[in-house]
Amino acid sequence: MAEKPVDFEKALERLETIVEEMESGELSLEQMIRHFEEGSRLVTLCSEKLNEVEQKIEKLVKKDGELTVEPFESEE
């Protein structure tokens, strides 16, 4: 199993590699299971990182000629 990526970009890159390898059809069942487990962990890591970032995002809003900072509000 690969070393655990510490940042979002590395985790996403590894996840893309895992998907490509799984789609190739060249892995054994045991390798597929290991890839699936690693991929599941990476999806969780990426999701957590995105949630952290979303909570930190602030948007700049121009009001009365001045820039102000407001918390990010999801459009859900």
PDB file of N, CA and C in Angstrom:
ATOM      1  N   MET A   1       0.843  -1.184   0.000  1.00  0.00           N
ATOM      2  CA  MET A   1       0.000   0.000   0.000  1.00  0.00           C
ATOM      3  C   MET A   1       0.882   1.239   0.000  1.00  0.00           C
ATOM      4  N   ALA A   2       0.439   2.267  -0.684  1.00  0.00           N
ATOM      5  CA  ALA A   2       1.208   3.498  -0.800  1.00  0.00           C
ATOM      6  C   ALA A   2       1.178   4.277   0.507  1.00  0.00           C
ATOM      7  N   GLU A   3       2.162   5.155   0.642  1.00  0.00           N
ATOM      8  CA  GLU A   3       2.239   6.019   1.810  1.00  0.00           C
ATOM      9  C   GLU A   3       1.027   6.954   1.824  1.00  0.00           C
ATOM     10  N   LYS A   4       0.510   7.260   3.003  1.00  0.00           N
ATOM     11  CA  LYS A   4      -0.685   8.106   3.111  1.00  0.00           C
ATOM     12  C   LYS A   4      -0.355   9.544   2.700  1.00  0.00           C
ATOM     13  N   PRO A   5      -1.024  10.060   1.665  1.00  0.00           N
ATOM     14  CA  PRO A   5      -0.797  11.446   1.255  1.00  0.00           C
ATOM     15  C   PRO A   5      -1.240  12.399   2.358  1.00  0.00           C
ATOM     16  N   VAL A   6      -0.509  13.494   2.509  1.00  0.00           N
ATOM     17  CA  VAL A   6      -0.834  14.425   3.582  1.00  0.00           C
ATOM     18  C   VAL A   6      -1.673  15.602   3.103  1.00  0.00           C
ATOM     19  N   ASP A   7      -1.705  15.861   1.825  1.00  0.00           N
ATOM     20  CA  ASP A   7      -2.508  16.985   1.368  1.00  0.00           C
ATOM     21  C   ASP A   7      -3.537  16.531   0.326  1.00  0.00           C
ATOM     22  N   PHE A   8      -4.473  17.400   0.080  1.00  0.00           N
ATOM     23  CA  PHE A   8      -5.593  17.092  -0.810  1.00  0.00           C
ATOM     24  C   PHE A   8      -5.130  16.712  -2.211  1.00  0.00           C
ATOM     25  N   GLU A   9      -4.207  17.501  -2.761  1.00  0.00           N
ATOM     26  CA  GLU A   9      -3.765  17.259  -4.127  1.00  0.00           C
ATOM     27  C   GLU A   9      -3.110  15.886  -4.274  1.00  0.00           C
ATOM     28  N   LYS A  10      -2.260  15.526  -3.321  1.00  0.00           N
ATOM     29  CA  LYS A  10      -1.606  14.213  -3.382  1.00  0.00           C
ATOM     30  C   LYS A  10      -2.616  13.087  -3.195  1.00  0.00           C
ATOM     31  N   ALA A  11      -3.567  13.294  -2.300  1.00  0.00           N
ATOM     32  CA  ALA A  11      -4.600  12.276  -2.068  1.00  0.00           C
ATOM     33  C   ALA A  11      -5.442  12.095  -3.329  1.00  0.00           C
ATOM     34  N   LEU A  12      -5.823  13.175  -3.963  1.00  0.00           N
ATOM     35  CA  LEU A  12      -6.628  13.102  -5.180  1.00  0.00           C
ATOM     36  C   LEU A  12      -5.849  12.443  -6.318  1.00  0.00           C
ATOM     37  N   GLU A  13      -4.575  12.790  -6.430  1.00  0.00           N
ATOM     38  CA  GLU A  13      -3.729  12.183  -7.462  1.00  0.00           C
ATOM     39  C   GLU A  13      -3.619  10.669  -7.245  1.00  0.00           C
ATOM     40  N   ARG A  14      -3.417  10.253  -5.998  1.00  0.00           N
ATOM     41  CA  ARG A  14      -3.324   8.819  -5.703  1.00  0.00           C
ATOM     42  C   ARG A  14      -4.660   8.133  -5.987  1.00  0.00           C
ATOM     43  N   LEU A  15      -5.755   8.788  -5.642  1.00  0.00           N
ATOM     44  CA  LEU A  15      -7.078   8.226  -5.888  1.00  0.00           C
ATOM     45  C   LEU A  15      -7.302   8.027  -7.388  1.00  0.00           C
ATOM     46  N   GLU A  16      -6.890   8.984  -8.198  1.00  0.00           N
ATOM     47  CA  GLU A  16      -7.025   8.852  -9.650  1.00  0.00           C
ATOM     48  C   GLU A  16      -6.202   7.667 -10.165  1.00  0.00           C
ATOM     49  N   THR A  17      -5.001   7.485  -9.617  1.00  0.00           N
ATOM     50  CA  THR A  17      -4.158   6.358 -10.006  1.00  0.00           C
ATOM     51  C   THR A  17      -4.825   5.035  -9.646  1.00  0.00           C
ATOM     52  N   ILE A  18      -5.387   4.982  -8.450  1.00  0.00           N
ATOM     53  CA  ILE A  18      -6.069   3.763  -8.000  1.00  0.00           C
ATOM     54  C   ILE A  18      -7.218   3.418  -8.948  1.00  0.00           C
ATOM     55  N   VAL A  19      -8.006   4.410  -9.302  1.00  0.00           N
ATOM     56  CA  VAL A  19      -9.148   4.181 -10.200  1.00  0.00           C
ATOM     57  C   VAL A  19      -8.657   3.653 -11.552  1.00  0.00           C
ATOM     58  N   GLU A  20      -7.610   4.275 -12.094  1.00  0.00           N
ATOM     59  CA  GLU A  20      -7.071   3.817 -13.376  1.00  0.00           C
ATOM     60  C   GLU A  20      -6.604   2.368 -13.291  1.00  0.00           C
ATOM     61  N   GLU A  21      -5.899   2.040 -12.201  1.00  0.00           N
ATOM     62  CA  GLU A  21      -5.400   0.673 -12.037  1.00  0.00           C
ATOM     63  C   GLU A  21      -6.544  -0.325 -11.892  1.00  0.00           C
ATOM     64  N   MET A  22      -7.581   0.063 -11.160  1.00  0.00           N
ATOM     65  CA  MET A  22      -8.717  -0.837 -10.983  1.00  0.00           C
ATOM     66  C   MET A  22      -9.485  -1.024 -12.288  1.00  0.00           C
ATOM     67  N   GLU A  23      -9.600   0.032 -13.061  1.00  0.00           N
ATOM     68  CA  GLU A  23     -10.321  -0.049 -14.328  1.00  0.00           C
ATOM     69  C   GLU A  23      -9.549  -0.824 -15.391  1.00  0.00           C
ATOM     70  N   SER A  24      -8.246  -0.977 -15.196  1.00  0.00           N
ATOM     71  CA  SER A  24      -7.425  -1.669 -16.191  1.00  0.00           C
ATOM     72  C   SER A  24      -7.786  -3.145 -16.306  1.00  0.00           C
ATOM     73  N   GLY A  25      -8.335  -3.709 -15.239  1.00  0.00           N
ATOM     74  CA  GLY A  25      -8.687  -5.115 -15.248  1.00  0.00           C
ATOM     75  C   GLY A  25      -7.504  -6.041 -15.063  1.00  0.00           C
ATOM     76  N   GLU A  26      -6.343  -5.501 -14.741  1.00  0.00           N
ATOM     77  CA  GLU A  26      -5.125  -6.296 -14.612  1.00  0.00           C
ATOM     78  C   GLU A  26      -4.788  -6.670 -13.170  1.00  0.00           C
ATOM     79  N   LEU A  27      -5.601  -6.264 -12.213  1.00  0.00           N
ATOM     80  CA  LEU A  27      -5.313  -6.544 -10.808  1.00  0.00           C
ATOM     81  C   LEU A  27      -5.994  -7.839 -10.368  1.00  0.00           C
ATOM     82  N   SER A  28      -5.347  -8.509  -9.435  1.00  0.00           N
ATOM     83  CA  SER A  28      -5.966  -9.695  -8.846  1.00  0.00           C
ATOM     84  C   SER A  28      -7.067  -9.246  -7.900  1.00  0.00           C
ATOM     85  N   LEU A  29      -7.894 -10.175  -7.473  1.00  0.00           N
ATOM     86  CA  LEU A  29      -8.965  -9.853  -6.541  1.00  0.00           C
ATOM     87  C   LEU A  29      -8.398  -9.260  -5.250  1.00  0.00           C
ATOM     88  N   GLU A  30      -7.314  -9.825  -4.762  1.00  0.00           N
ATOM     89  CA  GLU A  30      -6.692  -9.326  -3.531  1.00  0.00           C
ATOM     90  C   GLU A  30      -6.186  -7.891  -3.716  1.00  0.00           C
ATOM     91  N   GLN A  31      -5.576  -7.610  -4.870  1.00  0.00           N
ATOM     92  CA  GLN A  31      -5.103  -6.252  -5.157  1.00  0.00           C
ATOM     93  C   GLN A  31      -6.283  -5.282  -5.287  1.00  0.00           C
ATOM     94  N   MET A  32      -7.355  -5.752  -5.905  1.00  0.00           N
ATOM     95  CA  MET A  32      -8.553  -4.908  -6.044  1.00  0.00           C
ATOM     96  C   MET A  32      -9.102  -4.528  -4.674  1.00  0.00           C
ATOM     97  N   ILE A  33      -9.138  -5.485  -3.763  1.00  0.00           N
ATOM     98  CA  ILE A  33      -9.642  -5.218  -2.418  1.00  0.00           C
ATOM     99  C   ILE A  33      -8.758  -4.199  -1.709  1.00  0.00           C
ATOM    100  N   ARG A  34      -7.432  -4.369  -1.808  1.00  0.00           N
ATOM    101  CA  ARG A  34      -6.510  -3.413  -1.177  1.00  0.00           C
ATOM    102  C   ARG A  34      -6.686  -2.018  -1.776  1.00  0.00           C
ATOM    103  N   HIS A  35      -6.817  -1.970  -3.098  1.00  0.00           N
ATOM    104  CA  HIS A  35      -7.023  -0.673  -3.757  1.00  0.00           C
ATOM    105  C   HIS A  35      -8.350  -0.050  -3.316  1.00  0.00           C
ATOM    106  N   PHE A  36      -9.380  -0.867  -3.214  1.00  0.00           N
ATOM    107  CA  PHE A  36     -10.682  -0.360  -2.783  1.00  0.00           C
ATOM    108  C   PHE A  36     -10.594   0.213  -1.369  1.00  0.00           C
ATOM    109  N   GLU A  37      -9.914  -0.495  -0.472  1.00  0.00           N
ATOM    110  CA  GLU A  37      -9.766  -0.024   0.904  1.00  0.00           C
ATOM    111  C   GLU A  37      -8.985   1.289   0.957  1.00  0.00           C
ATOM    112  N   GLU A  38      -7.882   1.347   0.219  1.00  0.00           N
ATOM    113  CA  GLU A  38      -7.088   2.577   0.189  1.00  0.00           C
ATOM    114  C   GLU A  38      -7.903   3.710  -0.426  1.00  0.00           C
ATOM    115  N   GLY A  39      -8.601   3.419  -1.510  1.00  0.00           N
ATOM    116  CA  GLY A  39      -9.422   4.432  -2.165  1.00  0.00           C
ATOM    117  C   GLY A  39     -10.512   4.972  -1.249  1.00  0.00           C
ATOM    118  N   SER A  40     -11.117   4.084  -0.466  1.00  0.00           N
ATOM    119  CA  SER A  40     -12.153   4.518   0.485  1.00  0.00           C
ATOM    120  C   SER A  40     -11.571   5.474   1.520  1.00  0.00           C
ATOM    121  N   ARG A  41     -10.381   5.153   2.003  1.00  0.00           N
ATOM    122  CA  ARG A  41      -9.718   6.050   2.978  1.00  0.00           C
ATOM    123  C   ARG A  41      -9.396   7.401   2.336  1.00  0.00           C
ATOM    124  N   LEU A  42      -8.951   7.369   1.086  1.00  0.00           N
ATOM    125  CA  LEU A  42      -8.614   8.614   0.398  1.00  0.00           C
ATOM    126  C   LEU A  42      -9.852   9.465   0.129  1.00  0.00           C
ATOM    127  N   VAL A  43     -10.958   8.833  -0.219  1.00  0.00           N
ATOM    128  CA  VAL A  43     -12.207   9.576  -0.427  1.00  0.00           C
ATOM    129  C   VAL A  43     -12.609  10.278   0.870  1.00  0.00           C
ATOM    130  N   THR A  44     -12.487   9.572   1.987  1.00  0.00           N
ATOM    131  CA  THR A  44     -12.811  10.163   3.284  1.00  0.00           C
ATOM    132  C   THR A  44     -11.887  11.339   3.584  1.00  0.00           C
ATOM    133  N   LEU A  45     -10.587  11.152   3.350  1.00  0.00           N
ATOM    134  CA  LEU A  45      -9.617  12.216   3.589  1.00  0.00           C
ATOM    135  C   LEU A  45      -9.930  13.435   2.733  1.00  0.00           C
ATOM    136  N   CYS A  46     -10.192  13.224   1.436  1.00  0.00           N
ATOM    137  CA  CYS A  46     -10.503  14.341   0.534  1.00  0.00           C
ATOM    138  C   CYS A  46     -11.782  15.057   0.963  1.00  0.00           C
ATOM    139  N   SER A  47     -12.775  14.300   1.360  1.00  0.00           N
ATOM    140  CA  SER A  47     -14.041  14.878   1.812  1.00  0.00           C
ATOM    141  C   SER A  47     -13.830  15.739   3.060  1.00  0.00           C
ATOM    142  N   GLU A  48     -13.035  15.222   3.992  1.00  0.00           N
ATOM    143  CA  GLU A  48     -12.749  15.979   5.217  1.00  0.00           C
ATOM    144  C   GLU A  48     -12.000  17.270   4.898  1.00  0.00           C
ATOM    145  N   LYS A  49     -11.020  17.173   3.996  1.00  0.00           N
ATOM    146  CA  LYS A  49     -10.251  18.365   3.613  1.00  0.00           C
ATOM    147  C   LYS A  49     -11.162  19.399   2.957  1.00  0.00           C
ATOM    148  N   LEU A  50     -12.054  18.953   2.062  1.00  0.00           N
ATOM    149  CA  LEU A  50     -12.975  19.881   1.403  1.00  0.00           C
ATOM    150  C   LEU A  50     -13.906  20.547   2.413  1.00  0.00           C
ATOM    151  N   ASN A  51     -14.370  19.782   3.393  1.00  0.00           N
ATOM    152  CA  ASN A  51     -15.227  20.359   4.428  1.00  0.00           C
ATOM    153  C   ASN A  51     -14.476  21.395   5.246  1.00  0.00           C
ATOM    154  N   GLU A  52     -13.212  21.118   5.576  1.00  0.00           N
ATOM    155  CA  GLU A  52     -12.396  22.083   6.316  1.00  0.00           C
ATOM    156  C   GLU A  52     -12.238  23.371   5.529  1.00  0.00           C
ATOM    157  N   VAL A  53     -11.931  23.227   4.245  1.00  0.00           N
ATOM    158  CA  VAL A  53     -11.727  24.395   3.392  1.00  0.00           C
ATOM    159  C   VAL A  53     -13.020  25.190   3.259  1.00  0.00           C
ATOM    160  N   GLU A  54     -14.120  24.484   3.061  1.00  0.00           N
ATOM    161  CA  GLU A  54     -15.402  25.169   2.908  1.00  0.00           C
ATOM    162  C   GLU A  54     -15.715  26.016   4.139  1.00  0.00           C
ATOM    163  N   GLN A  55     -15.380  25.498   5.310  1.00  0.00           N
ATOM    164  CA  GLN A  55     -15.642  26.230   6.543  1.00  0.00           C
ATOM    165  C   GLN A  55     -14.742  27.458   6.681  1.00  0.00           C
ATOM    166  N   LYS A  56     -13.595  27.454   6.002  1.00  0.00           N
ATOM    167  CA  LYS A  56     -12.648  28.565   6.119  1.00  0.00           C
ATOM    168  C   LYS A  56     -12.810  29.620   5.026  1.00  0.00           C
ATOM    169  N   ILE A  57     -13.565  29.260   3.986  1.00  0.00           N
ATOM    170  CA  ILE A  57     -13.681  30.190   2.850  1.00  0.00           C
ATOM    171  C   ILE A  57     -14.421  31.453   3.279  1.00  0.00           C
ATOM    172  N   GLU A  58     -13.852  32.535   2.905  1.00  0.00           N
ATOM    173  CA  GLU A  58     -14.517  33.812   3.136  1.00  0.00           C
ATOM    174  C   GLU A  58     -14.601  34.519   1.791  1.00  0.00           C
ATOM    175  N   LYS A  59     -15.683  35.198   1.587  1.00  0.00           N
ATOM    176  CA  LYS A  59     -15.815  35.901   0.321  1.00  0.00           C
ATOM    177  C   LYS A  59     -15.698  37.407   0.536  1.00  0.00           C
ATOM    178  N   LEU A  60     -15.102  38.040  -0.430  1.00  0.00           N
ATOM    179  CA  LEU A  60     -14.985  39.496  -0.387  1.00  0.00           C
ATOM    180  C   LEU A  60     -16.225  40.096  -1.033  1.00  0.00           C
ATOM    181  N   VAL A  61     -16.813  41.025  -0.359  1.00  0.00           N
ATOM    182  CA  VAL A  61     -18.021  41.661  -0.857  1.00  0.00           C
ATOM    183  C   VAL A  61     -17.803  43.173  -0.845  1.00  0.00           C
ATOM    184  N   LYS A  62     -18.108  43.790  -1.969  1.00  0.00           N
ATOM    185  CA  LYS A  62     -17.949  45.233  -2.055  1.00  0.00           C
ATOM    186  C   LYS A  62     -19.242  45.903  -1.609  1.00  0.00           C
ATOM    187  N   LYS A  63     -19.153  46.635  -0.518  1.00  0.00           N
ATOM    188  CA  LYS A  63     -20.316  47.370   0.011  1.00  0.00           C
ATOM    189  C   LYS A  63     -19.929  48.828   0.197  1.00  0.00           C
ATOM    190  N   ASP A  64     -20.727  49.705  -0.367  1.00  0.00           N
ATOM    191  CA  ASP A  64     -20.495  51.145  -0.253  1.00  0.00           C
ATOM    192  C   ASP A  64     -19.060  51.514  -0.607  1.00  0.00           C
ATOM    193  N   GLY A  65     -18.506  50.868  -1.632  1.00  0.00           N
ATOM    194  CA  GLY A  65     -17.167  51.200  -2.090  1.00  0.00           C
ATOM    195  C   GLY A  65     -16.051  50.579  -1.274  1.00  0.00           C
ATOM    196  N   GLU A  66     -16.378  49.827  -0.246  1.00  0.00           N
ATOM    197  CA  GLU A  66     -15.358  49.197   0.597  1.00  0.00           C
ATOM    198  C   GLU A  66     -15.450  47.681   0.498  1.00  0.00           C
ATOM    199  N   LEU A  67     -14.306  47.043   0.591  1.00  0.00           N
ATOM    200  CA  LEU A  67     -14.282  45.593   0.602  1.00  0.00           C
ATOM    201  C   LEU A  67     -14.448  45.099   2.031  1.00  0.00           C
ATOM    202  N   THR A  68     -15.353  44.180   2.218  1.00  0.00           N
ATOM    203  CA  THR A  68     -15.550  43.584   3.535  1.00  0.00           C
ATOM    204  C   THR A  68     -15.449  42.071   3.403  1.00  0.00           C
ATOM    205  N   VAL A  69     -15.170  41.430   4.495  1.00  0.00           N
ATOM    206  CA  VAL A  69     -15.065  39.978   4.499  1.00  0.00           C
ATOM    207  C   VAL A  69     -16.294  39.411   5.181  1.00  0.00           C
ATOM    208  N   GLU A  70     -16.932  38.450   4.503  1.00  0.00           N
ATOM    209  CA  GLU A  70     -18.092  37.771   5.076  1.00  0.00           C
ATOM    210  C   GLU A  70     -17.850  36.270   5.058  1.00  0.00           C
ATOM    211  N   PRO A  71     -18.404  35.549   5.997  1.00  0.00           N
ATOM    212  CA  PRO A  71     -18.246  34.096   5.982  1.00  0.00           C
ATOM    213  C   PRO A  71     -18.884  33.493   4.742  1.00  0.00           C
ATOM    214  N   PHE A  72     -18.301  32.402   4.274  1.00  0.00           N
ATOM    215  CA  PHE A  72     -18.835  31.694   3.128  1.00  0.00           C
ATOM    216  C   PHE A  72     -20.156  31.045   3.521  1.00  0.00           C
ATOM    217  N   GLU A  73     -21.155  31.174   2.663  1.00  0.00           N
ATOM    218  CA  GLU A  73     -22.436  30.523   2.894  1.00  0.00           C
ATOM    219  C   GLU A  73     -22.709  29.583   1.736  1.00  0.00           C
ATOM    220  N   SER A  74     -22.935  28.334   2.054  1.00  0.00           N
ATOM    221  CA  SER A  74     -23.225  27.325   1.043  1.00  0.00           C
ATOM    222  C   SER A  74     -24.563  27.638   0.384  1.00  0.00           C
ATOM    223  N   GLU A  75     -24.673  27.316  -0.912  1.00  0.00           N
ATOM    224  CA  GLU A  75     -25.911  27.570  -1.630  1.00  0.00           C
ATOM    225  C   GLU A  75     -26.840  26.376  -1.600  1.00  0.00           C
ATOM    226  N   GLU A  76     -26.663  25.458  -0.659  1.00  0.00           N
ATOM    227  CA  GLU A  76     -27.489  24.240  -0.576  1.00  0.00           C
ATOM    228  C   GLU A  76     -28.898  24.547  -0.209  1.00  0.00           C
TER     229      GLU A  76
END
